[in-house]
């Protein structure tokens, strides 16, 4: 049976132990101990986040997050994938 919460087993384990993930090579790892260093836990606990909240978690500026978002949306639009998302 597939998990519907979107968490990995390792994310659940960190939450249960109340200890941050130490797997820095994981592509989902972030330096944000309040949410167990895991982007999946961040989304699970907070739901949709503002660009400022994302910037805080990744230790970059709001402006840089906005640049990344703009580039990603442009790429999705060029691939005709933008209709998959609601704004």
C-alpha atoms as a PDB file:
ATOM      1  CA  UNK A   1       0.000   0.000   0.000  1.00  0.00           C
ATOM      2  CA  UNK A   2       1.362   3.403  -0.989  1.00  0.00           C
ATOM      3  CA  UNK A   3       1.653   6.141   1.622  1.00  0.00           C
ATOM      4  CA  UNK A   4      -0.663   9.069   0.995  1.00  0.00           C
ATOM      5  CA  UNK A   5       1.144  11.582   3.222  1.00  0.00           C
ATOM      6  CA  UNK A   6       4.066  12.030   0.800  1.00  0.00           C
ATOM      7  CA  UNK A   7       6.709  11.196   3.399  1.00  0.00           C
ATOM      8  CA  UNK A   8       9.498   8.692   3.013  1.00  0.00           C
ATOM      9  CA  UNK A   9      10.147   6.083   5.663  1.00  0.00           C
ATOM     10  CA  UNK A  10      13.307   7.932   6.712  1.00  0.00           C
ATOM     11  CA  UNK A  11      11.275  11.141   7.179  1.00  0.00           C
ATOM     12  CA  UNK A  12       8.822   9.347   9.435  1.00  0.00           C
ATOM     13  CA  UNK A  13      11.695   7.834  11.397  1.00  0.00           C
ATOM     14  CA  UNK A  14      13.271  11.274  11.984  1.00  0.00           C
ATOM     15  CA  UNK A  15       9.938  12.713  13.090  1.00  0.00           C
ATOM     16  CA  UNK A  16       9.316   9.797  15.447  1.00  0.00           C
ATOM     17  CA  UNK A  17      12.794  10.082  16.997  1.00  0.00           C
ATOM     18  CA  UNK A  18      12.546  13.902  16.968  1.00  0.00           C
ATOM     19  CA  UNK A  19      16.032  14.096  15.493  1.00  0.00           C
ATOM     20  CA  UNK A  20      17.171  15.809  12.329  1.00  0.00           C
ATOM     21  CA  UNK A  21      18.281  13.819   9.324  1.00  0.00           C
ATOM     22  CA  UNK A  22      22.022  13.415   8.946  1.00  0.00           C
ATOM     23  CA  UNK A  23      21.942  12.178   5.331  1.00  0.00           C
ATOM     24  CA  UNK A  24      23.356  15.340   3.750  1.00  0.00           C
ATOM     25  CA  UNK A  25      23.808  13.635   0.388  1.00  0.00           C
ATOM     26  CA  UNK A  26      20.022  13.138   0.101  1.00  0.00           C
ATOM     27  CA  UNK A  27      18.547  15.483  -2.523  1.00  0.00           C
ATOM     28  CA  UNK A  28      15.744  16.369  -0.078  1.00  0.00           C
ATOM     29  CA  UNK A  29      18.087  17.390   2.776  1.00  0.00           C
ATOM     30  CA  UNK A  30      18.030  21.036   3.880  1.00  0.00           C
ATOM     31  CA  UNK A  31      19.888  22.749   6.693  1.00  0.00           C
ATOM     32  CA  UNK A  32      16.728  23.463   8.690  1.00  0.00           C
ATOM     33  CA  UNK A  33      16.735  21.459  11.947  1.00  0.00           C
ATOM     34  CA  UNK A  34      13.296  22.765  13.011  1.00  0.00           C
ATOM     35  CA  UNK A  35      11.814  20.469  10.368  1.00  0.00           C
ATOM     36  CA  UNK A  36      14.292  17.608  10.735  1.00  0.00           C
ATOM     37  CA  UNK A  37      16.432  18.817   7.803  1.00  0.00           C
ATOM     38  CA  UNK A  38      13.936  17.411   5.306  1.00  0.00           C
ATOM     39  CA  UNK A  39      11.997  19.225   2.578  1.00  0.00           C
ATOM     40  CA  UNK A  40       9.303  16.548   2.731  1.00  0.00           C
ATOM     41  CA  UNK A  41       8.743  17.244   6.424  1.00  0.00           C
ATOM     42  CA  UNK A  42       8.621  20.995   5.693  1.00  0.00           C
ATOM     43  CA  UNK A  43       5.857  20.517   3.154  1.00  0.00           C
ATOM     44  CA  UNK A  44       4.071  17.952   5.331  1.00  0.00           C
ATOM     45  CA  UNK A  45       4.037  20.266   8.364  1.00  0.00           C
ATOM     46  CA  UNK A  46       3.368  23.571   6.570  1.00  0.00           C
ATOM     47  CA  UNK A  47       1.562  22.839   3.321  1.00  0.00           C
ATOM     48  CA  UNK A  48       2.001  25.500   0.639  1.00  0.00           C
ATOM     49  CA  UNK A  49       4.667  28.053   1.581  1.00  0.00           C
ATOM     50  CA  UNK A  50       5.472  31.554   0.480  1.00  0.00           C
ATOM     51  CA  UNK A  51       8.652  32.274  -1.450  1.00  0.00           C
ATOM     52  CA  UNK A  52      10.016  33.968   1.685  1.00  0.00           C
ATOM     53  CA  UNK A  53       9.442  30.803   3.718  1.00  0.00           C
ATOM     54  CA  UNK A  54      11.213  28.743   1.055  1.00  0.00           C
ATOM     55  CA  UNK A  55      14.122  31.209   1.026  1.00  0.00           C
ATOM     56  CA  UNK A  56      14.444  30.976   4.807  1.00  0.00           C
ATOM     57  CA  UNK A  57      14.603  27.187   4.720  1.00  0.00           C
ATOM     58  CA  UNK A  58      17.238  27.106   1.979  1.00  0.00           C
ATOM     59  CA  UNK A  59      19.308  29.984   3.309  1.00  0.00           C
ATOM     60  CA  UNK A  60      19.003  32.093   0.166  1.00  0.00           C
ATOM     61  CA  UNK A  61      17.359  35.412  -0.608  1.00  0.00           C
ATOM     62  CA  UNK A  62      13.724  35.901  -1.560  1.00  0.00           C
ATOM     63  CA  UNK A  63      14.930  37.429  -4.838  1.00  0.00           C
ATOM     64  CA  UNK A  64      16.899  34.295  -5.704  1.00  0.00           C
ATOM     65  CA  UNK A  65      13.893  32.051  -4.990  1.00  0.00           C
ATOM     66  CA  UNK A  66      11.806  34.306  -7.247  1.00  0.00           C
ATOM     67  CA  UNK A  67      14.410  33.977 -10.026  1.00  0.00           C
ATOM     68  CA  UNK A  68      14.350  30.177  -9.708  1.00  0.00           C
ATOM     69  CA  UNK A  69      10.541  30.136  -9.732  1.00  0.00           C
ATOM     70  CA  UNK A  70      10.386  32.356 -12.835  1.00  0.00           C
ATOM     71  CA  UNK A  71      12.884  30.167 -14.696  1.00  0.00           C
ATOM     72  CA  UNK A  72      11.051  26.963 -13.693  1.00  0.00           C
ATOM     73  CA  UNK A  73       7.660  28.325 -14.777  1.00  0.00           C
ATOM     74  CA  UNK A  74       9.141  29.472 -18.099  1.00  0.00           C
ATOM     75  CA  UNK A  75      10.567  25.992 -18.675  1.00  0.00           C
ATOM     76  CA  UNK A  76       7.261  24.314 -17.790  1.00  0.00           C
ATOM     77  CA  UNK A  77       5.424  26.655 -20.146  1.00  0.00           C
ATOM     78  CA  UNK A  78       7.838  25.890 -22.982  1.00  0.00           C
ATOM     79  CA  UNK A  79       7.202  22.163 -22.459  1.00  0.00           C
ATOM     80  CA  UNK A  80       3.430  22.737 -22.415  1.00  0.00           C
ATOM     81  CA  UNK A  81       3.276  21.432 -18.842  1.00  0.00           C
ATOM     82  CA  UNK A  82       2.055  24.643 -17.246  1.00  0.00           C
ATOM     83  CA  UNK A  83      -1.613  23.688 -17.640  1.00  0.00           C
ATOM     84  CA  UNK A  84      -1.055  20.922 -15.078  1.00  0.00           C
ATOM     85  CA  UNK A  85      -0.799  23.513 -12.302  1.00  0.00           C
ATOM     86  CA  UNK A  86      -3.390  25.782 -10.752  1.00  0.00           C
ATOM     87  CA  UNK A  87      -2.471  29.345  -9.833  1.00  0.00           C
END
